[in-house]
Amino acid sequence: MSLTRRRFLETSLFAGATSMMASRLAFASANTDSRFVFVLLRGALDGLNAVPPIGDADYAGLRGQIAIAGSGAGAALPLTADFGLHPALTFLHRSFAARELAVLHAVATPYRERSHFDAQNVLESGDNRPQGSTSGWINRALNSLPAGKSSAGRSREAGVALGANVPLAMRGPAEVASWSPMKTGALDESTLARITDLYARDPLLAQRLGDALESDAIAMEAQKAAEAEAQADADSPRPTRTLRR
């Protein structure tokens, strides 16, 4: 699903209003602006296709038709002499060049059975058995953090799960919250104008709106850049491959 500017602004406004009601999400009390973001690819990912070992002499022969070339058309984006990135992962390639990305290849849990769901439980619980724990490793990490001081009083730093339900990784003794966007129509200009007029009477709401509008401007620029990159990628020649029976 593409993220439109208006949808981004709508969810930003909702998040701003929610932050006033959910004081337990006291992000401002942290000693750093850094945040830890955990993304679990539940649909799985072919690591040898995302980060191909192009320096391995056996790689191309073992992967056959689906091997990513080390040079030429459709070649992997180079990381090191031994590894590259799939040519579609240009954002990650830029992040690696900026020293903002580290790739840990061939890392696995002790689980060796064939259940996709049990494997997910191991990843989220941090245990070596699928049903070994009813809490998640992120929640246990949150629970071990020292208490911080927030505007609402003494509280622990909270975790937020982006979704309608709290996943296993976030379940446990530490207090966490879940958030998902409202399923409402996009804001039109007249509605936005009325909200601006209404929010102007309240300093806190006005600040939240200002932050949302600033985020909207950033999203607009990012969307333009992404569209330009996608168009350039679509215009570039792509190698053709045949499927063999």
Protein backbone atom coordinates (compact mmCIF):
# COMPACT_ATOMS: atom_id res chain seq x y z
CA MET A 1 0.00 0.00 0.00
CA SER A 2 1.40 3.42 -0.96
CA LEU A 3 1.52 6.14 1.66
CA THR A 4 -0.04 9.35 0.35
CA ARG A 5 0.74 12.76 1.82
CA ARG A 6 -2.81 13.19 3.06
CA ARG A 7 -2.89 9.76 4.68
CA PHE A 8 0.46 10.49 6.34
CA LEU A 9 -0.87 13.79 7.71
CA GLU A 10 -4.06 12.11 8.93
CA THR A 11 -2.16 9.48 10.88
CA SER A 12 0.27 12.10 12.20
CA LEU A 13 -2.61 14.17 13.57
CA PHE A 14 -4.12 11.08 15.16
CA ALA A 15 -0.78 10.15 16.70
CA GLY A 16 -0.44 13.67 18.09
CA ALA A 17 -3.84 13.51 19.75
CA THR A 18 -3.17 10.02 21.03
CA SER A 19 0.08 11.11 22.65
CA MET A 20 -1.82 13.46 24.94
CA MET A 21 -4.13 10.68 26.11
CA ALA A 22 -1.47 8.00 26.41
CA SER A 23 0.92 9.71 28.81
CA ARG A 24 2.57 6.39 29.55
CA LEU A 25 4.32 6.67 26.17
CA ALA A 26 6.83 9.03 27.73
CA PHE A 27 9.40 9.06 24.95
CA ALA A 28 10.62 12.53 25.96
CA SER A 29 12.01 11.18 29.22
CA ALA A 30 14.65 9.08 27.46
CA ASN A 31 18.27 10.16 27.78
CA THR A 32 18.80 9.84 24.03
CA ASP A 33 16.97 10.53 20.79
CA SER A 34 17.86 7.02 19.58
CA ARG A 35 15.07 4.49 19.26
CA PHE A 36 15.21 0.74 18.74
CA VAL A 37 12.93 -0.44 15.92
CA PHE A 38 12.35 -4.19 15.51
CA VAL A 39 10.80 -5.41 12.24
CA LEU A 40 10.01 -9.11 11.91
CA LEU A 41 9.50 -10.27 8.31
CA ARG A 42 6.84 -12.88 8.96
CA GLY A 43 6.67 -13.84 5.32
CA ALA A 44 10.36 -14.82 5.47
CA LEU A 45 13.24 -13.58 3.33
CA ASP A 46 15.68 -15.38 1.07
CA GLY A 47 18.97 -14.21 2.55
CA LEU A 48 21.01 -15.57 -0.36
CA ASN A 49 18.93 -13.43 -2.71
CA ALA A 50 18.86 -10.29 -0.54
CA VAL A 51 22.56 -10.45 0.38
CA PRO A 52 24.17 -12.79 -2.16
CA PRO A 53 27.67 -14.13 -1.43
CA ILE A 54 28.98 -13.02 -4.82
CA GLY A 55 32.57 -13.75 -3.82
CA ASP A 56 31.87 -17.44 -3.22
CA ALA A 57 33.03 -19.52 -6.19
CA ASP A 58 30.21 -22.02 -5.66
CA TYR A 59 27.38 -19.50 -5.31
CA ALA A 60 26.42 -19.05 -8.98
CA GLY A 61 26.54 -22.78 -9.73
CA LEU A 62 24.44 -23.76 -6.73
CA ARG A 63 21.82 -21.06 -7.22
CA GLY A 64 21.54 -21.52 -10.96
CA GLN A 65 18.97 -19.34 -12.72
CA ILE A 66 18.12 -17.33 -9.59
CA ALA A 67 21.72 -16.33 -8.82
CA ILE A 68 22.42 -12.60 -8.64
CA ALA A 69 25.30 -11.63 -10.90
CA GLY A 70 28.41 -10.08 -9.41
CA SER A 71 28.92 -7.74 -12.37
CA GLY A 72 27.19 -6.54 -15.50
CA ALA A 73 23.47 -5.92 -15.99
CA GLY A 74 21.36 -6.62 -12.91
CA ALA A 75 24.47 -7.08 -10.77
CA ALA A 76 24.44 -7.05 -6.99
CA LEU A 77 25.20 -3.77 -5.26
CA PRO A 78 28.65 -4.31 -3.73
CA LEU A 79 29.09 -4.40 0.04
CA THR A 80 32.43 -6.17 0.35
CA ALA A 81 34.53 -8.37 -1.89
CA ASP A 82 32.48 -11.35 -0.74
CA PHE A 83 28.93 -10.00 -0.40
CA GLY A 84 26.54 -7.72 -2.24
CA LEU A 85 22.91 -6.57 -2.04
CA HIS A 86 20.05 -7.37 -4.39
CA PRO A 87 19.97 -4.55 -7.00
CA ALA A 88 16.51 -3.44 -5.78
CA LEU A 89 17.81 -2.69 -2.26
CA THR A 90 19.31 0.70 -3.11
CA PHE A 91 18.17 2.30 0.16
CA LEU A 92 19.99 -0.33 2.21
CA HIS A 93 23.06 0.12 0.01
CA ARG A 94 23.11 3.84 0.78
CA SER A 95 22.65 3.07 4.48
CA PHE A 96 25.62 0.70 4.39
CA ALA A 97 27.78 3.34 2.71
CA ALA A 98 26.77 5.80 5.44
CA ARG A 99 27.77 3.22 8.09
CA GLU A 100 24.15 2.99 9.25
CA LEU A 101 23.64 -0.66 8.31
CA ALA A 102 25.34 -3.88 9.39
CA VAL A 103 24.46 -7.21 7.80
CA LEU A 104 24.76 -10.35 9.94
CA HIS A 105 24.72 -13.18 7.43
CA ALA A 106 24.00 -16.86 8.15
CA VAL A 107 22.76 -16.21 11.69
CA ALA A 108 20.11 -18.65 12.91
CA THR A 109 18.28 -19.84 16.01
CA PRO A 110 18.72 -23.40 17.38
CA TYR A 111 15.29 -24.34 15.98
CA ARG A 112 15.66 -26.93 13.20
CA GLU A 113 12.09 -28.19 12.61
CA ARG A 114 9.86 -27.11 9.72
CA SER A 115 7.02 -25.18 11.38
CA HIS A 116 6.95 -21.57 10.20
CA PHE A 117 4.87 -20.51 13.22
CA ASP A 118 7.10 -22.26 15.77
CA ALA A 119 10.11 -20.60 14.18
CA GLN A 120 8.43 -17.20 14.63
CA ASN A 121 7.76 -17.97 18.29
CA VAL A 122 11.44 -18.72 18.82
CA LEU A 123 12.41 -15.41 17.19
CA GLU A 124 9.95 -13.45 19.31
CA SER A 125 10.35 -15.19 22.65
CA GLY A 126 14.13 -15.42 22.55
CA ASP A 127 13.90 -18.98 23.87
CA ASN A 128 15.42 -22.01 22.15
CA ARG A 129 12.05 -23.81 22.17
CA PRO A 130 8.85 -22.72 20.35
CA GLN A 131 6.74 -22.84 23.54
CA GLY A 132 9.54 -22.14 25.97
CA SER A 133 8.30 -18.73 27.13
CA THR A 134 5.05 -16.75 27.28
CA SER A 135 6.92 -13.42 27.21
CA GLY A 136 8.96 -11.78 24.51
CA TRP A 137 12.61 -10.76 24.59
CA ILE A 138 11.83 -7.09 23.88
CA ASN A 139 9.39 -6.90 26.78
CA ARG A 140 11.90 -8.50 29.12
CA ALA A 141 14.50 -6.00 27.94
CA LEU A 142 12.08 -3.12 28.64
CA ASN A 143 11.35 -4.52 32.07
CA SER A 144 15.05 -4.51 32.94
CA LEU A 145 15.53 -0.83 32.09
CA PRO A 146 15.90 1.60 35.00
CA ALA A 147 12.86 3.73 35.80
CA GLY A 148 12.83 7.15 34.17
CA LYS A 149 11.30 10.45 35.12
CA SER A 150 8.52 11.74 32.86
CA SER A 151 6.09 14.62 32.97
CA ALA A 152 3.45 12.22 34.24
CA GLY A 153 5.63 11.08 37.15
CA ARG A 154 7.94 8.16 37.66
CA SER A 155 7.46 5.51 35.01
CA ARG A 156 9.36 3.06 32.85
CA GLU A 157 10.18 3.78 29.24
CA ALA A 158 7.29 2.30 27.24
CA GLY A 159 7.33 0.15 24.15
CA VAL A 160 4.85 0.55 21.31
CA ALA A 161 3.72 -2.22 18.96
CA LEU A 162 2.53 -0.86 15.61
CA GLY A 163 -0.49 -3.00 14.95
CA ALA A 164 -3.90 -3.91 16.29
CA ASN A 165 -2.44 -6.63 18.53
CA VAL A 166 0.67 -6.85 20.69
CA PRO A 167 3.01 -9.52 19.24
CA LEU A 168 4.73 -12.11 21.40
CA ALA A 169 8.02 -10.19 21.27
CA MET A 170 6.33 -7.34 23.19
CA ARG A 171 4.27 -9.37 25.68
CA GLY A 172 5.32 -9.70 29.29
CA PRO A 173 5.53 -7.84 32.60
CA ALA A 174 6.56 -4.45 31.19
CA GLU A 175 3.74 -2.10 30.24
CA VAL A 176 3.50 -1.60 26.49
CA ALA A 177 0.93 -0.17 24.10
CA SER A 178 -0.24 -0.92 20.57
CA TRP A 179 -1.18 1.58 17.91
CA SER A 180 -2.68 1.27 14.45
CA PRO A 181 -3.92 3.97 12.02
CA MET A 182 -7.58 4.95 11.96
CA LYS A 183 -9.48 3.45 9.06
CA THR A 184 -11.13 6.69 7.99
CA GLY A 185 -11.17 8.60 4.75
CA ALA A 186 -8.36 10.97 3.81
CA LEU A 187 -8.63 14.57 5.03
CA ASP A 188 -9.75 17.13 2.48
CA GLU A 189 -8.58 20.74 2.46
CA SER A 190 -11.71 22.17 4.09
CA THR A 191 -11.55 19.67 6.96
CA LEU A 192 -7.88 20.44 7.48
CA ALA A 193 -8.67 24.17 7.55
CA ARG A 194 -11.31 23.65 10.24
CA ILE A 195 -8.92 21.54 12.30
CA THR A 196 -6.24 24.24 11.98
CA ASP A 197 -8.69 26.87 13.24
CA LEU A 198 -9.82 24.66 16.12
CA TYR A 199 -6.30 23.67 17.17
CA ALA A 200 -5.07 27.26 17.09
CA ARG A 201 -6.95 27.91 20.37
CA ASP A 202 -4.94 25.33 22.28
CA PRO A 203 -1.12 25.65 22.55
CA LEU A 204 -0.53 21.91 22.85
CA LEU A 205 -2.84 20.96 19.98
CA ALA A 206 -1.41 23.76 17.85
CA GLN A 207 2.10 22.40 18.44
CA ARG A 208 0.99 18.89 17.51
CA LEU A 209 -0.59 20.18 14.32
CA GLY A 210 2.56 22.12 13.47
CA ASP A 211 4.61 18.96 13.93
CA ALA A 212 2.20 17.03 11.71
CA LEU A 213 2.36 19.66 8.97
CA GLU A 214 6.15 19.61 9.11
CA SER A 215 6.08 15.82 8.84
CA ASP A 216 3.70 16.18 5.89
CA ALA A 217 6.20 18.39 4.10
CA ILE A 218 8.97 15.86 4.73
CA ALA A 219 6.72 13.04 3.51
CA MET A 220 5.93 14.97 0.34
CA GLU A 221 9.61 15.38 -0.46
CA ALA A 222 10.30 11.73 0.34
CA GLN A 223 7.40 10.63 -1.85
CA LYS A 224 8.66 12.73 -4.76
CA ALA A 225 12.15 11.27 -4.37
CA ALA A 226 10.77 7.72 -4.18
CA GLU A 227 8.62 8.26 -7.28
CA ALA A 228 11.58 9.68 -9.18
CA GLU A 229 13.76 6.73 -8.16
CA ALA A 230 11.03 4.24 -9.09
CA GLN A 231 10.62 5.89 -12.49
CA ALA A 232 14.36 5.83 -13.11
CA ASP A 233 14.45 2.17 -12.14
CA ALA A 234 11.51 1.39 -14.44
CA ASP A 235 13.26 3.15 -17.33
CA SER A 236 16.52 1.23 -16.86
CA PRO A 237 16.99 -1.97 -18.90
CA ARG A 238 16.44 -5.22 -17.03
CA PRO A 239 17.93 -8.63 -17.86
CA THR A 240 15.51 -11.28 -19.03
CA ARG A 241 15.51 -14.76 -17.55
CA THR A 242 13.83 -17.91 -18.72
CA LEU A 243 12.20 -20.48 -16.48
CA ARG A 244 13.12 -24.09 -17.06
CA ARG A 245 10.89 -26.99 -16.28
